[in-house]
Amino acid sequence: MTLTRMPDRNPVVIQFEAVTEFNIDNGPEGATILALYQRGSQQIIHVCETREQIISARLAALSGISRL
């Protein structure tokens, strides 16, 4: 799925797998902080999308449907 990175508003492609662990927190200046844990590594991204949009897009990505 593709999200919008903050603050530069460039697209960032995120790959969710069924085993991907993640946390979503509110960040500064309207950003959402998405922390992904996959295969022993951690990736932290500040994005424009809301918690609800990220969860919806994750469910869509896992089911093979594009919503973003």
C-alpha atoms as a PDB file:
ATOM      1  CA  MET A   1       0.000   0.000   0.000  1.00  0.00           C
ATOM      2  CA  THR A   2       1.133   3.555  -0.580  1.00  0.00           C
ATOM      3  CA  LEU A   3       0.991   6.201   2.138  1.00  0.00           C
ATOM      4  CA  THR A   4       2.082   9.841   2.139  1.00  0.00           C
ATOM      5  CA  ARG A   5       5.293  10.594   4.042  1.00  0.00           C
ATOM      6  CA  MET A   6       5.421  13.690   6.276  1.00  0.00           C
ATOM      7  CA  PRO A   7       6.624  16.407   6.027  1.00  0.00           C
ATOM      8  CA  ASP A   8       7.690  16.193   2.356  1.00  0.00           C
ATOM      9  CA  ARG A   9       4.426  14.559   1.185  1.00  0.00           C
ATOM     10  CA  ASN A  10       6.251  12.033  -0.990  1.00  0.00           C
ATOM     11  CA  PRO A  11       4.683   8.592  -1.453  1.00  0.00           C
ATOM     12  CA  VAL A  12       6.067   5.733   0.600  1.00  0.00           C
ATOM     13  CA  VAL A  13       5.226   2.106  -0.180  1.00  0.00           C
ATOM     14  CA  ILE A  14       4.489  -0.073   2.838  1.00  0.00           C
ATOM     15  CA  GLN A  15       4.213  -3.835   2.617  1.00  0.00           C
ATOM     16  CA  PHE A  16       2.054  -5.465   5.243  1.00  0.00           C
ATOM     17  CA  GLU A  17       2.102  -9.205   5.749  1.00  0.00           C
ATOM     18  CA  ALA A  18      -0.188 -11.147   8.048  1.00  0.00           C
ATOM     19  CA  VAL A  19       2.673 -11.460  10.577  1.00  0.00           C
ATOM     20  CA  THR A  20       3.642  -7.760  10.472  1.00  0.00           C
ATOM     21  CA  GLU A  21       3.387  -6.173  13.902  1.00  0.00           C
ATOM     22  CA  PHE A  22       2.706  -2.444  14.014  1.00  0.00           C
ATOM     23  CA  ASN A  23       1.915   0.506  16.270  1.00  0.00           C
ATOM     24  CA  ILE A  24       0.119   3.686  15.259  1.00  0.00           C
ATOM     25  CA  ASP A  25       0.543   6.855  17.325  1.00  0.00           C
ATOM     26  CA  ASN A  26      -0.295  10.528  16.911  1.00  0.00           C
ATOM     27  CA  GLY A  27       2.722  12.581  15.948  1.00  0.00           C
ATOM     28  CA  PRO A  28       3.626  16.256  15.752  1.00  0.00           C
ATOM     29  CA  GLU A  29       2.019  18.681  13.305  1.00  0.00           C
ATOM     30  CA  GLY A  30      -0.798  16.342  12.309  1.00  0.00           C
ATOM     31  CA  ALA A  31       1.435  13.444  11.329  1.00  0.00           C
ATOM     32  CA  THR A  32       0.682   9.849  12.252  1.00  0.00           C
ATOM     33  CA  ILE A  33       3.619   7.725  13.399  1.00  0.00           C
ATOM     34  CA  LEU A  34       3.569   4.211  11.982  1.00  0.00           C
ATOM     35  CA  ALA A  35       6.047   1.749  13.496  1.00  0.00           C
ATOM     36  CA  LEU A  36       6.411  -1.551  11.628  1.00  0.00           C
ATOM     37  CA  TYR A  37       8.162  -4.649  12.963  1.00  0.00           C
ATOM     38  CA  GLN A  38       9.039  -7.230  10.313  1.00  0.00           C
ATOM     39  CA  ARG A  39      11.568 -10.039  10.315  1.00  0.00           C
ATOM     40  CA  GLY A  40      13.511  -8.637  13.251  1.00  0.00           C
ATOM     41  CA  SER A  41      13.752  -5.072  11.949  1.00  0.00           C
ATOM     42  CA  GLN A  42      11.870  -1.914  12.832  1.00  0.00           C
ATOM     43  CA  GLN A  43      10.775   0.871  10.484  1.00  0.00           C
ATOM     44  CA  ILE A  44       9.285   4.137  11.757  1.00  0.00           C
ATOM     45  CA  ILE A  45       7.478   6.380   9.293  1.00  0.00           C
ATOM     46  CA  HIS A  46       5.648   9.686   9.766  1.00  0.00           C
ATOM     47  CA  VAL A  47       2.655   9.789   7.417  1.00  0.00           C
ATOM     48  CA  CYS A  48      -0.353  12.032   6.635  1.00  0.00           C
ATOM     49  CA  GLU A  49      -3.000   9.310   6.796  1.00  0.00           C
ATOM     50  CA  THR A  50      -5.089   8.809   9.921  1.00  0.00           C
ATOM     51  CA  ARG A  51      -5.127   5.702  12.105  1.00  0.00           C
ATOM     52  CA  GLU A  52      -8.453   4.660  10.549  1.00  0.00           C
ATOM     53  CA  GLN A  53      -7.136   5.076   6.998  1.00  0.00           C
ATOM     54  CA  ILE A  54      -4.021   3.020   7.780  1.00  0.00           C
ATOM     55  CA  ILE A  55      -6.007   0.197   9.378  1.00  0.00           C
ATOM     56  CA  SER A  56      -8.470   0.163   6.480  1.00  0.00           C
ATOM     57  CA  ALA A  57      -5.640   0.122   3.931  1.00  0.00           C
ATOM     58  CA  ARG A  58      -3.871  -2.670   5.845  1.00  0.00           C
ATOM     59  CA  LEU A  59      -7.004  -4.821   5.828  1.00  0.00           C
ATOM     60  CA  ALA A  60      -7.458  -4.126   2.122  1.00  0.00           C
ATOM     61  CA  ALA A  61      -3.810  -4.964   1.384  1.00  0.00           C
ATOM     62  CA  LEU A  62      -4.058  -8.251   3.254  1.00  0.00           C
ATOM     63  CA  SER A  63      -7.223  -9.154   1.378  1.00  0.00           C
ATOM     64  CA  GLY A  64      -5.803  -8.061  -1.996  1.00  0.00           C
ATOM     65  CA  ILE A  65      -8.081  -5.026  -2.462  1.00  0.00           C
ATOM     66  CA  SER A  66      -6.663  -1.517  -3.004  1.00  0.00           C
ATOM     67  CA  ARG A  67      -8.393   1.239  -1.008  1.00  0.00           C
ATOM     68  CA  LEU A  68      -5.773   4.015  -0.984  1.00  0.00           C
END
